[in-house]
C-alpha cells in the first residue's frame, strides 16, 4: 500500500506535510493536478506557477519525494 498526499499548494495541504513528518506517519507519494486553459497555457497565473515550482524543490529537498503532476484535461 502507498501512502499518498494530494497537494493543492494551499496552506492546509502544505501544513499537512509538516504534520505527517511530526507524527512520524509514512509518506510514499505526493500528487497534484495541474489544470490548463489550453494545451500550452496553464490555468494558474504566472506567480502561482513560480510558487509551485519553488515549493516542489523545497519538498524534494526536505522530504526526498518528487511531487507528481497529473495534467487535467482542457475544456473543449
C-alpha atoms as a PDB file:
ATOM      1  CA  UNK A   1       0.000   0.000   0.000  1.00  0.00           C
ATOM      2  CA  UNK A   2       1.243   3.512  -0.832  1.00  0.00           C
ATOM      3  CA  UNK A   3       0.622   6.479   1.448  1.00  0.00           C
ATOM      4  CA  UNK A   4      -0.276   9.420  -0.796  1.00  0.00           C
ATOM      5  CA  UNK A   5      -0.775  13.124  -0.067  1.00  0.00           C
ATOM      6  CA  UNK A   6      -2.921  15.075  -2.519  1.00  0.00           C
ATOM      7  CA  UNK A   7      -1.302  18.508  -2.682  1.00  0.00           C
ATOM      8  CA  UNK A   8      -3.214  21.668  -3.622  1.00  0.00           C
ATOM      9  CA  UNK A   9      -0.401  24.040  -2.543  1.00  0.00           C
ATOM     10  CA  UNK A  10      -2.814  25.732  -0.132  1.00  0.00           C
ATOM     11  CA  UNK A  11      -1.923  26.355   3.488  1.00  0.00           C
ATOM     12  CA  UNK A  12      -3.711  23.231   4.701  1.00  0.00           C
ATOM     13  CA  UNK A  13      -2.100  20.722   2.360  1.00  0.00           C
ATOM     14  CA  UNK A  14       1.337  22.268   2.916  1.00  0.00           C
ATOM     15  CA  UNK A  15       0.788  22.150   6.695  1.00  0.00           C
ATOM     16  CA  UNK A  16      -0.265  18.518   6.303  1.00  0.00           C
ATOM     17  CA  UNK A  17       3.276  17.711   5.152  1.00  0.00           C
ATOM     18  CA  UNK A  18       4.647  19.069   8.408  1.00  0.00           C
ATOM     19  CA  UNK A  19       2.031  17.202  10.447  1.00  0.00           C
ATOM     20  CA  UNK A  20       2.848  13.920   8.704  1.00  0.00           C
ATOM     21  CA  UNK A  21       6.522  14.465   9.497  1.00  0.00           C
ATOM     22  CA  UNK A  22       5.847  15.443  13.126  1.00  0.00           C
ATOM     23  CA  UNK A  23       3.586  12.438  13.715  1.00  0.00           C
ATOM     24  CA  UNK A  24       6.067  10.089  12.065  1.00  0.00           C
ATOM     25  CA  UNK A  25       3.493   8.825   9.589  1.00  0.00           C
ATOM     26  CA  UNK A  26       4.661   7.200   6.371  1.00  0.00           C
ATOM     27  CA  UNK A  27       4.516   9.105   3.091  1.00  0.00           C
ATOM     28  CA  UNK A  28       5.357   7.462  -0.225  1.00  0.00           C
ATOM     29  CA  UNK A  29       3.957   9.809  -2.857  1.00  0.00           C
ATOM     30  CA  UNK A  30       2.778  13.394  -3.274  1.00  0.00           C
ATOM     31  CA  UNK A  31       0.449  14.125  -6.189  1.00  0.00           C
ATOM     32  CA  UNK A  32      -1.163  17.255  -7.575  1.00  0.00           C
ATOM     33  CA  UNK A  33      -3.398  18.026 -10.552  1.00  0.00           C
ATOM     34  CA  UNK A  34      -2.343  20.788 -12.938  1.00  0.00           C
ATOM     35  CA  UNK A  35      -5.184  22.472 -14.797  1.00  0.00           C
ATOM     36  CA  UNK A  36      -4.603  24.024 -18.202  1.00  0.00           C
ATOM     37  CA  UNK A  37      -6.563  26.744 -20.008  1.00  0.00           C
ATOM     38  CA  UNK A  38      -5.300  25.456 -23.368  1.00  0.00           C
ATOM     39  CA  UNK A  39      -2.791  22.838 -24.461  1.00  0.00           C
ATOM     40  CA  UNK A  40       0.053  25.319 -23.877  1.00  0.00           C
ATOM     41  CA  UNK A  41      -1.291  27.832 -21.318  1.00  0.00           C
ATOM     42  CA  UNK A  42      -1.677  26.824 -17.655  1.00  0.00           C
ATOM     43  CA  UNK A  43      -4.849  27.896 -15.842  1.00  0.00           C
ATOM     44  CA  UNK A  44      -2.717  29.268 -12.978  1.00  0.00           C
ATOM     45  CA  UNK A  45      -1.333  32.789 -13.113  1.00  0.00           C
ATOM     46  CA  UNK A  46       2.461  33.082 -13.552  1.00  0.00           C
ATOM     47  CA  UNK A  47       3.147  33.912  -9.859  1.00  0.00           C
ATOM     48  CA  UNK A  48       1.345  30.723  -8.799  1.00  0.00           C
ATOM     49  CA  UNK A  49       3.249  28.643 -11.355  1.00  0.00           C
ATOM     50  CA  UNK A  50       6.514  30.032  -9.922  1.00  0.00           C
ATOM     51  CA  UNK A  51       5.357  29.355  -6.342  1.00  0.00           C
ATOM     52  CA  UNK A  52       4.531  25.732  -7.173  1.00  0.00           C
ATOM     53  CA  UNK A  53       7.936  25.224  -8.824  1.00  0.00           C
ATOM     54  CA  UNK A  54       9.708  26.620  -5.738  1.00  0.00           C
ATOM     55  CA  UNK A  55       7.543  24.541  -3.395  1.00  0.00           C
ATOM     56  CA  UNK A  56       8.307  21.384  -5.404  1.00  0.00           C
ATOM     57  CA  UNK A  57      12.051  21.991  -4.982  1.00  0.00           C
ATOM     58  CA  UNK A  58      11.707  22.554  -1.231  1.00  0.00           C
ATOM     59  CA  UNK A  59       9.540  19.437  -0.851  1.00  0.00           C
ATOM     60  CA  UNK A  60      12.091  17.347  -2.764  1.00  0.00           C
ATOM     61  CA  UNK A  61      14.951  18.674  -0.624  1.00  0.00           C
ATOM     62  CA  UNK A  62      13.146  18.287   2.715  1.00  0.00           C
ATOM     63  CA  UNK A  63      11.145  15.083   2.229  1.00  0.00           C
ATOM     64  CA  UNK A  64      13.042  13.431  -0.614  1.00  0.00           C
ATOM     65  CA  UNK A  65       9.845  12.978  -2.615  1.00  0.00           C
ATOM     66  CA  UNK A  66       9.234  14.478  -6.054  1.00  0.00           C
ATOM     67  CA  UNK A  67       5.751  15.911  -6.497  1.00  0.00           C
ATOM     68  CA  UNK A  68       3.915  14.020  -9.232  1.00  0.00           C
ATOM     69  CA  UNK A  69       1.999  16.386 -11.516  1.00  0.00           C
ATOM     70  CA  UNK A  70      -1.076  14.939 -13.194  1.00  0.00           C
ATOM     71  CA  UNK A  71      -2.373  17.034 -16.043  1.00  0.00           C
ATOM     72  CA  UNK A  72      -6.102  17.651 -16.132  1.00  0.00           C
ATOM     73  CA  UNK A  73      -7.886  17.717 -19.461  1.00  0.00           C
ATOM     74  CA  UNK A  74      -8.552  21.056 -21.128  1.00  0.00           C
ATOM     75  CA  UNK A  75     -12.124  22.161 -21.741  1.00  0.00           C
ATOM     76  CA  UNK A  76     -13.198  21.753 -25.337  1.00  0.00           C
END
